[in-house]
Amino acid sequence: MKTLLLSLVLIGSALTNSVAQSDEAAIKNSIEAEKIASDAADYKTYKSYWANVPYASFLIFGEQVYGDSLWQLMDKVWATRKPAKVNTIRTHWNIRMKGEAAYVTFSQRAENQETKVILESAEARYLEKIAGQWKIVSVVAMFKPSR
């Protein structure tokens, strides 16, 4: 009986760990795919990685936009957006999940291959799992000063 109980606990632990690793990969994939769509100026795909919720927000360059204002600003910005060839490298991933929510931080280095402009940033994302898909709810991007 003890052996059966121990076996069930070990199997349950392995399954939980496997699901967590699978969710972490899905979270990273959502963040990566959203950036690829951004670089391609593919607004429809980009927006599909965002949760369409009234509390969605974006904090960048010291400005916070949220709710309806966020969607209106996105529509305006994306109306004139052009594709860009950008090489993006993310490091120092930190992913914390709690049920259907996740908080993610990472360092990012993005180099525009055409203009040679390099942006380094510390970034954070809050995501929620909606209908089985990890969706971005909030973005915080803190750019590091140029050297």
Foldseek 3Di string as FASTA:
>chain_A
DVVVVVVVVVVVVVVVVVVVVVVVVLQVVLVVQLVQCLLQLPLVSNCVQADLDQAFWEADPNDIDGGPRVVVVSVVVSVPDHHFDKDKDWDDWDWDDDVFKIKIWIWMWIAGPPVRDIWIWIKMFIWGQDPNHTHTRYIYTDTDDDD
